[in-house]
Protein backbone atom coordinates (compact mmCIF):
# COMPACT_ATOMS: atom_id res chain seq x y z
CA MET A 1 -24.62 41.17 -27.05
CA THR A 2 -20.91 40.94 -26.35
CA ASP A 3 -18.65 43.68 -27.75
CA THR A 4 -15.91 41.89 -29.72
CA ARG A 5 -14.19 45.01 -30.97
CA ILE A 6 -10.47 45.23 -30.22
CA SER A 7 -9.49 48.34 -28.28
CA PRO A 8 -7.45 50.99 -30.15
CA LEU A 9 -4.56 50.65 -27.65
CA ARG A 10 -4.40 46.92 -28.29
CA ASN A 11 -4.31 47.66 -32.01
CA PHE A 12 -1.35 49.93 -31.37
CA ALA A 13 0.32 47.17 -29.32
CA ASP A 14 -0.09 44.76 -32.25
CA TYR A 15 1.36 47.40 -34.56
CA VAL A 16 4.47 47.72 -32.30
CA ARG A 17 4.85 43.94 -32.27
CA ALA A 18 4.64 43.78 -36.05
CA GLU A 19 7.12 46.63 -36.49
CA ARG A 20 9.49 45.48 -33.74
CA SER A 21 12.42 44.75 -36.06
CA ARG A 22 12.12 48.13 -37.79
CA LEU A 23 11.76 50.00 -34.51
CA THR A 24 14.76 48.18 -33.07
CA GLN A 25 16.83 49.15 -36.10
CA GLN A 26 15.76 52.79 -35.75
CA TRP A 27 16.86 52.69 -32.13
CA MET A 28 20.16 51.06 -33.08
CA ASP A 29 20.80 53.82 -35.62
CA ALA A 30 20.05 56.47 -33.00
CA VAL A 31 22.41 54.81 -30.54
CA ALA A 32 25.16 54.53 -33.16
CA THR A 33 25.06 58.25 -33.93
CA ASP A 34 24.85 59.41 -30.31
CA LEU A 35 28.28 60.65 -29.21
CA ASP A 36 27.45 60.23 -25.50
CA LEU A 37 26.99 56.46 -25.75
CA VAL A 38 30.63 55.39 -25.67
CA GLU A 39 30.17 51.84 -24.38
CA ALA A 40 27.55 51.03 -27.02
CA ASP A 41 30.21 51.35 -29.73
CA LYS A 42 32.07 48.41 -28.16
CA LEU A 43 29.11 46.01 -28.44
CA THR A 44 27.92 43.81 -31.26
CA TYR A 45 24.39 44.13 -32.61
CA GLN A 46 23.35 41.02 -30.71
CA GLN A 47 24.87 42.24 -27.43
CA LEU A 48 23.11 45.58 -27.77
CA ALA A 49 19.65 44.40 -28.77
CA ASP A 50 19.14 40.80 -27.68
CA HIS A 51 17.23 41.72 -24.50
CA LEU A 52 14.95 44.42 -26.02
CA PRO A 53 12.11 42.06 -27.11
CA GLU A 54 11.21 41.42 -23.46
CA ILE A 55 11.00 45.15 -22.71
CA ILE A 56 8.90 45.76 -25.85
CA GLU A 57 6.59 42.86 -25.01
CA GLY A 58 6.11 44.17 -21.47
CA LEU A 59 5.08 47.54 -22.85
CA CYS A 60 2.74 45.93 -25.36
CA ALA A 61 1.15 43.83 -22.60
CA ALA A 62 0.46 47.04 -20.65
CA LEU A 63 -1.16 48.55 -23.77
CA ASP A 64 -3.26 45.38 -24.26
CA VAL A 65 -4.90 45.74 -20.84
CA GLU A 66 -4.51 49.52 -20.65
CA ASP A 67 -3.10 49.09 -17.15
CA LEU A 68 0.55 49.11 -16.14
CA GLU A 69 -0.03 47.62 -12.69
CA GLN A 70 -1.25 44.30 -14.10
CA VAL A 71 2.09 43.66 -15.85
CA GLU A 72 4.31 45.54 -13.41
CA THR A 73 6.09 42.42 -12.13
CA SER A 74 7.03 41.28 -15.62
CA ILE A 75 8.32 44.73 -16.63
CA GLU A 76 10.37 45.06 -13.44
CA ARG A 77 11.90 41.62 -13.96
CA ASN A 78 12.96 42.50 -17.50
CA ALA A 79 14.19 45.93 -16.39
CA LYS A 80 16.42 44.31 -13.74
CA LYS A 81 17.80 42.02 -16.40
CA HIS A 82 18.47 45.05 -18.61
CA GLY A 83 20.29 46.86 -15.79
CA LYS A 84 22.37 43.80 -14.94
CA ILE A 85 23.36 43.28 -18.59
CA ARG A 86 24.34 46.90 -19.05
CA TRP A 87 26.38 46.85 -15.81
CA ASP A 88 28.25 43.77 -16.99
CA GLN A 89 28.86 45.52 -20.32
CA GLY A 90 30.44 48.52 -18.58
CA TYR A 91 27.72 51.16 -19.02
CA ARG A 92 27.67 54.27 -16.86
CA ILE A 93 24.32 55.24 -15.34
CA GLU A 94 23.98 58.29 -17.61
CA GLU A 95 24.56 56.06 -20.64
CA LEU A 96 21.86 53.68 -19.43
CA VAL A 97 19.37 56.52 -19.03
CA ARG A 98 20.29 58.06 -22.39
CA GLU A 99 19.87 54.76 -24.23
CA LEU A 100 16.43 54.10 -22.74
CA ASP A 101 15.32 57.64 -23.55
CA LEU A 102 16.30 57.12 -27.19
CA PHE A 103 14.17 53.98 -27.25
CA ARG A 104 11.23 55.89 -25.72
CA ARG A 105 11.55 58.50 -28.48
CA VAL A 106 11.45 55.80 -31.17
CA LEU A 107 8.23 54.44 -29.69
CA ALA A 108 6.78 57.97 -29.42
CA GLU A 109 7.41 58.48 -33.12
CA ALA A 110 5.79 55.11 -33.84
CA LEU A 111 2.78 56.24 -31.84
CA GLU A 112 2.46 59.39 -33.99
CA GLU A 113 2.72 57.31 -37.17
CA PHE A 114 0.02 54.92 -35.98
CA ALA A 115 -2.29 57.73 -34.86
CA ALA A 116 -1.95 59.43 -38.26
CA ARG A 117 -3.00 56.32 -40.18
CA GLU A 118 -5.76 55.02 -37.87
CA SER A 119 -8.85 57.21 -37.83
CA SER A 120 -10.31 55.27 -34.89
CA PHE A 121 -7.27 56.14 -32.80
CA THR A 122 -8.45 59.38 -31.19
CA ARG A 123 -6.44 61.99 -29.30
CA ARG A 124 -7.76 60.48 -26.10
CA HIS A 125 -6.35 57.10 -27.13
CA GLU A 126 -3.07 58.69 -28.17
CA SER A 127 -2.82 60.53 -24.86
CA ARG A 128 -3.56 57.34 -22.94
CA ALA A 129 -0.95 55.38 -24.92
CA ARG A 130 1.63 58.14 -24.51
CA ARG A 131 1.08 58.13 -20.74
CA LEU A 132 1.44 54.36 -20.53
CA ILE A 133 4.67 54.50 -22.56
CA ALA A 134 6.05 57.23 -20.28
CA GLU A 135 5.09 55.34 -17.12
CA ALA A 136 6.53 52.07 -18.45
CA PHE A 137 9.84 53.65 -19.40
CA SER A 138 9.96 55.49 -16.10
CA MET A 139 9.60 52.13 -14.35
CA VAL A 140 12.18 50.46 -16.62
CA THR A 141 14.65 53.29 -16.13
CA TYR A 142 14.22 53.40 -12.34
CA THR A 143 14.47 49.61 -11.94
CA SER A 144 17.47 49.38 -14.28
CA ILE A 145 19.29 52.17 -12.45
CA LYS A 146 18.51 50.52 -9.11
CA GLU A 147 19.94 47.24 -10.35
CA VAL A 148 23.09 48.98 -11.59
CA VAL A 149 23.51 50.72 -8.22
CA ASN A 150 22.98 47.40 -6.41
CA GLU A 151 25.60 45.73 -8.60
CA ARG A 152 27.98 48.63 -8.02
CA ASP A 153 27.45 48.49 -4.24
CA ARG A 154 27.96 44.72 -4.28
CA LYS A 155 31.18 45.15 -6.21
CA ILE A 156 32.29 47.91 -3.82
CA ASP A 157 31.56 45.63 -0.86
CA GLU A 158 33.53 42.87 -2.57
CA TYR A 159 36.48 45.17 -3.22
CA THR A 160 36.23 46.58 0.29
CA GLY A 161 36.33 43.06 1.72
CA GLN A 162 39.33 42.21 -0.45
CA LEU A 163 41.03 45.44 0.65
CA GLU A 164 40.33 44.72 4.31
CA ARG A 165 41.70 41.19 3.93
CA ALA A 166 44.74 42.53 2.09
CA ASN A 167 45.30 45.14 4.81
CA HIS A 168 44.97 42.46 7.47
CA GLU A 169 47.44 40.22 5.65
CA LEU A 170 49.78 43.19 5.23
CA MET A 171 49.53 43.96 8.94
CA LEU A 172 50.31 40.34 9.80
CA LYS A 173 53.25 40.37 7.39
CA GLN A 174 54.50 43.63 8.90
CA GLN A 175 54.26 42.07 12.35
CA LEU A 176 56.04 38.99 11.03
CA VAL A 177 58.78 41.14 9.49
CA GLY A 178 59.12 43.04 12.78
CA ALA A 179 59.31 39.80 14.74
CA LEU A 180 61.75 38.37 12.20
CA HIS A 181 63.92 41.49 12.46
CA GLU A 182 63.94 41.26 16.23
CA SER A 183 64.72 37.55 16.00
CA ARG A 184 67.62 38.20 13.64
CA MET A 185 68.92 40.94 15.95
CA GLN A 186 68.72 38.50 18.86
CA ILE A 187 70.64 35.93 16.83
CA THR A 188 73.30 38.52 16.01
CA ARG A 189 73.63 39.56 19.64
CA SER A 190 73.80 35.94 20.80
CA VAL A 191 76.39 34.94 18.20
CA VAL A 192 78.51 37.98 18.99
CA HIS A 193 78.25 37.19 22.70
CA ASP A 194 79.31 33.56 22.23
CA LEU A 195 82.11 34.37 19.82
CA ARG A 196 83.42 37.02 22.17
CA ASN A 197 83.48 34.49 25.01
CA PHE A 198 85.32 31.99 22.79
CA LEU A 199 87.86 34.57 21.68
CA ASN A 200 88.40 35.68 25.28
CA ALA A 201 89.14 32.08 26.22
CA PHE A 202 91.63 31.80 23.36
CA SER A 203 93.25 35.02 24.49
CA ILE A 204 93.56 33.75 28.08
CA ALA A 205 95.03 30.46 26.82
CA LEU A 206 97.64 32.28 24.75
CA GLN A 207 98.55 34.52 27.68
CA LEU A 208 98.99 31.46 29.91
CA ILE A 209 101.28 29.85 27.33
CA ALA A 210 103.32 33.05 26.99
CA ARG A 211 103.65 33.71 30.74
CA ALA A 212 103.96 30.14 32.00
CA PRO A 213 105.20 27.62 29.42
CA SER A 214 104.92 24.93 32.06
CA LYS A 215 101.13 25.36 32.00
CA ALA A 216 100.92 25.15 28.22
CA GLU A 217 99.16 21.80 28.35
CA THR A 218 96.38 23.19 30.55
CA ALA A 219 96.07 26.23 28.30
CA LEU A 220 95.88 24.07 25.18
CA THR A 221 93.15 21.95 26.78
CA LEU A 222 91.16 25.11 27.44
CA ALA A 223 91.73 26.33 23.89
CA ASN A 224 90.73 22.99 22.39
CA ARG A 225 87.55 22.92 24.43
CA GLN A 226 86.68 26.43 23.28
CA ALA A 227 87.48 25.50 19.68
CA ALA A 228 85.14 22.51 19.95
CA ASP A 229 82.38 24.75 21.34
CA MET A 230 82.94 27.26 18.55
CA LYS A 231 82.74 24.47 15.95
CA GLN A 232 79.47 23.27 17.47
CA LEU A 233 78.07 26.79 17.28
CA VAL A 234 79.12 27.21 13.66
CA ASP A 235 77.80 23.77 12.71
CA GLN A 236 74.39 24.44 14.23
CA MET A 237 74.27 27.93 12.72
CA VAL A 238 74.90 26.36 9.32
CA GLU A 239 72.23 23.70 9.94
CA TYR A 240 69.71 26.31 11.06
CA SER A 241 70.42 28.59 8.09
CA VAL A 242 69.95 25.64 5.73
CA VAL A 243 66.62 24.78 7.35
CA LEU A 244 65.37 28.39 7.20
CA GLY A 245 66.66 29.03 3.69
CA ASP A 246 65.39 25.81 2.11
CA ALA A 247 62.71 26.98 -0.32
CA THR A 248 62.63 23.66 -2.18
CA PRO A 249 59.07 22.26 -2.28
CA LEU A 250 58.72 19.26 -0.03
CA VAL A 251 58.64 16.05 -2.03
CA PRO A 252 56.93 13.34 0.06
CA GLU A 253 58.60 9.95 0.04
CA ALA A 254 57.99 6.56 1.56
CA VAL A 255 59.73 6.31 4.94
CA ASP A 256 60.17 3.00 6.74
CA LEU A 257 59.77 4.05 10.38
CA ARG A 258 61.17 0.80 11.74
CA GLU A 259 64.43 1.31 9.81
CA LEU A 260 64.60 4.93 11.00
CA TYR A 261 63.90 3.83 14.59
CA GLU A 262 66.68 1.25 14.55
CA GLU A 263 69.11 3.81 13.14
CA LEU A 264 68.22 6.34 15.86
CA VAL A 265 68.64 3.76 18.61
CA ALA A 266 72.02 2.59 17.26
CA SER A 267 73.40 6.13 16.97
CA SER A 268 72.05 7.34 20.33
CA ARG A 269 72.89 4.41 22.59
CA PRO A 270 76.69 5.09 22.79
CA LEU A 271 76.07 8.75 23.72
CA VAL A 272 73.50 7.79 26.34
CA GLU A 273 75.65 5.08 27.90
CA ALA A 274 78.73 7.33 27.86
CA LYS A 275 76.94 9.55 30.41
CA GLY A 276 75.93 6.56 32.52
CA LEU A 277 72.29 6.82 31.46
CA ARG A 278 69.81 4.19 30.28
CA LEU A 279 68.15 4.27 26.87
CA LEU A 280 64.59 2.98 26.70
CA ALA A 281 63.21 2.66 23.18
CA SER A 282 60.02 1.30 21.68
CA ILE A 283 58.06 1.40 18.44
CA ASP A 284 54.42 0.58 17.88
CA PRO A 285 54.21 -2.65 15.81
CA ALA A 286 51.40 -1.04 13.82
CA LEU A 287 53.81 1.52 12.42
CA SER A 288 55.53 0.64 9.19
CA VAL A 289 55.85 2.81 6.09
CA ILE A 290 54.57 6.38 6.14
CA THR A 291 54.74 9.27 3.66
CA SER A 292 56.99 12.13 4.78
CA ASN A 293 60.65 13.18 4.46
CA ARG A 294 63.18 10.82 6.02
CA LEU A 295 66.07 13.26 6.41
CA LYS A 296 63.96 15.90 8.12
CA LEU A 297 62.39 13.34 10.45
CA LYS A 298 65.86 12.15 11.39
CA GLN A 299 67.03 15.72 12.04
CA ILE A 300 64.07 16.24 14.36
CA ALA A 301 64.64 13.06 16.31
CA VAL A 302 68.41 13.54 16.58
CA ASN A 303 67.99 17.07 17.91
CA LEU A 304 65.42 15.96 20.48
CA LEU A 305 67.59 13.05 21.62
CA SER A 306 70.74 15.19 21.78
CA ASN A 307 68.87 17.76 23.84
CA ALA A 308 67.56 15.09 26.22
CA ILE A 309 71.02 13.56 26.69
CA LYS A 310 72.63 16.95 27.25
CA TYR A 311 70.17 18.03 29.96
CA THR A 312 70.07 14.69 31.81
CA LYS A 313 72.74 13.99 34.44
CA SER A 314 71.26 10.75 35.76
CA GLY A 315 68.43 8.39 35.04
CA GLN A 316 67.21 7.64 31.53
CA VAL A 317 66.28 8.88 28.08
CA GLU A 318 63.31 7.33 26.34
CA LEU A 319 62.40 7.25 22.64
CA GLN A 320 58.91 6.19 21.54
CA LEU A 321 57.34 5.99 18.09
CA ALA A 322 53.60 5.32 18.30
CA THR A 323 50.35 5.55 16.36
CA ALA A 324 47.95 8.40 17.20
CA GLY A 325 44.48 7.62 15.92
CA THR A 326 43.93 6.49 12.35
CA ASP A 327 45.70 9.33 10.53
CA HIS A 328 48.65 10.34 12.71
CA TRP A 329 51.72 9.05 14.51
CA THR A 330 54.02 10.54 17.14
CA ILE A 331 57.66 10.85 18.13
CA ARG A 332 58.08 11.14 21.89
CA VAL A 333 61.35 11.81 23.68
CA THR A 334 61.36 11.79 27.48
CA ASP A 335 64.23 12.47 29.88
CA THR A 336 64.82 12.62 33.62
CA GLY A 337 66.85 15.78 33.33
CA VAL A 338 66.79 19.23 34.89
CA GLY A 339 63.39 20.13 33.48
CA ILE A 340 62.11 23.51 32.33
CA ALA A 341 60.98 26.22 34.70
CA PRO A 342 57.45 27.59 34.05
CA ALA A 343 58.94 31.05 33.50
CA ASP A 344 61.05 29.66 30.64
CA ALA A 345 58.30 27.68 28.89
CA ASP A 346 57.35 30.43 26.42
CA ARG A 347 60.88 30.78 25.03
CA VAL A 348 61.84 27.13 24.73
CA PHE A 349 61.71 27.18 20.91
CA ASP A 350 63.42 30.58 20.48
CA GLU A 351 66.86 30.79 18.92
CA PHE A 352 69.83 30.76 21.32
CA GLU A 353 67.63 30.10 24.33
CA ARG A 354 69.07 27.72 26.91
CA ALA A 355 66.22 27.67 29.34
CA ALA A 356 67.86 25.23 31.74
CA GLY A 357 70.72 27.57 32.51
CA GLU A 358 73.98 28.81 31.07
CA ASP A 359 76.04 26.19 32.95
CA ILE A 360 74.96 23.50 30.46
CA PRO A 361 76.86 23.74 27.18
CA GLY A 362 75.05 24.24 23.91
CA THR A 363 74.09 26.80 21.30
CA GLY A 364 70.37 27.01 22.01
CA LEU A 365 69.46 26.24 18.40
CA GLY A 366 68.42 22.59 18.62
CA LEU A 367 64.76 23.16 19.48
CA ALA A 368 64.48 26.10 17.06
CA ILE A 369 65.59 23.72 14.30
CA VAL A 370 63.07 21.12 15.48
CA CYS A 371 60.26 23.69 15.50
CA GLU A 372 60.98 24.86 11.95
CA LEU A 373 61.24 21.29 10.62
CA CYS A 374 57.94 20.41 12.30
CA ARG A 375 56.29 23.32 10.49
CA VAL A 376 57.61 22.05 7.15
CA LEU A 377 56.32 18.51 7.82
CA ASN A 378 52.93 19.67 9.17
CA GLY A 379 53.84 18.38 12.61
CA HIS A 380 52.44 19.69 15.88
CA ILE A 381 54.95 19.89 18.72
CA GLY A 382 54.21 20.11 22.41
CA PHE A 383 56.02 19.44 25.66
CA ALA A 384 55.44 18.84 29.34
CA SER A 385 58.07 19.44 31.97
CA ARG A 386 58.64 19.56 35.72
CA GLU A 387 61.68 21.35 37.01
CA GLY A 388 64.10 18.87 38.54
CA VAL A 389 62.04 15.88 37.32
CA GLY A 390 62.32 15.82 33.53
CA THR A 391 60.79 16.78 30.21
CA THR A 392 58.77 15.10 27.49
CA PHE A 393 58.62 16.40 23.94
CA GLU A 394 55.97 14.93 21.65
CA ILE A 395 55.44 15.66 17.96
CA ARG A 396 52.30 14.56 16.12
CA PHE A 397 52.71 13.95 12.37
CA PRO A 398 50.24 12.95 9.67
CA LEU A 399 50.76 9.47 8.30
CA ARG A 400 50.72 10.97 4.81
CA SER A 401 52.16 14.39 4.04
CA GLU A 402 50.45 16.44 1.34
């Protein structure tokens, strides 16, 4: 004959289920009057108690089978959820432990009440139930604390990563500031050097006029040439400062490359022919309208062409606009000039660098301006050169700027 009697511990579990609302309220009252539970005061009733049914049901399931191991997975899952919720709500570990202990006490009192009213619930049953409650809450507390610690460690790792990235960015910015300071000092030294040379030339011209009036014309020619050089320096300094100081967000516009090409050819041809050089120019028929900034593209091309003309004594200067794959196009300027020595290649784009030698006039700012404008337009600049043979500069631009 099968024994259909319900075990006393299962009866107690059913009693806890039936009294769950009252027991939860008792626990809420205990939490509200506990001065150590600071974070609990900041929560609504729902935030504080909405996850307790799962913990209660896990305990009741253990009482049903009188074995904690059979429901261990479910209790641990709910305990992890409890720990995660309390971490998100800002609990400290000691508050978490205190809160769970208050709930254990409420259930212990419920156990005493049930034992007093149920004659079949012996001391052995009460002792067994008390041990299961203690073991269950020990598991819940341990698992919840472990989850809180894991969340804390994860947050620490996240903050540590952010701090490391911030430190790396700070280091890069410090290096950039150092490089910028050195660059500005180099600019200052170069400008002072050039201005001193110009002023010395003026001084010599004035002395020639004062000592030998008959040579005034020669002296004035020297002074005029120096004045023209000084104007060129000032003009390029102004252009460079405008490029560097332009914080205006780039507004992409439609640029007709064929119109720009024709304008560049028309403005460059007289300068090229004045030096006895040939101008070769071509544009890919596939190129038409792109999205970029017309003025900045023109500045780049004009600086490259001016540089090529200046450093070429004989031969030709070539301008090419061509497609480069499906998403890019290129400006290429080639000359048959003096070329760039391998030792000078690394400083070609530095301010006030005249890699081909001091005997060729110029401020050394043209390629620095080109480099900065390329950065603004998302262009990639490169060059190839052979000393005494010539140089090719090529810039690769996207067909559509973002």
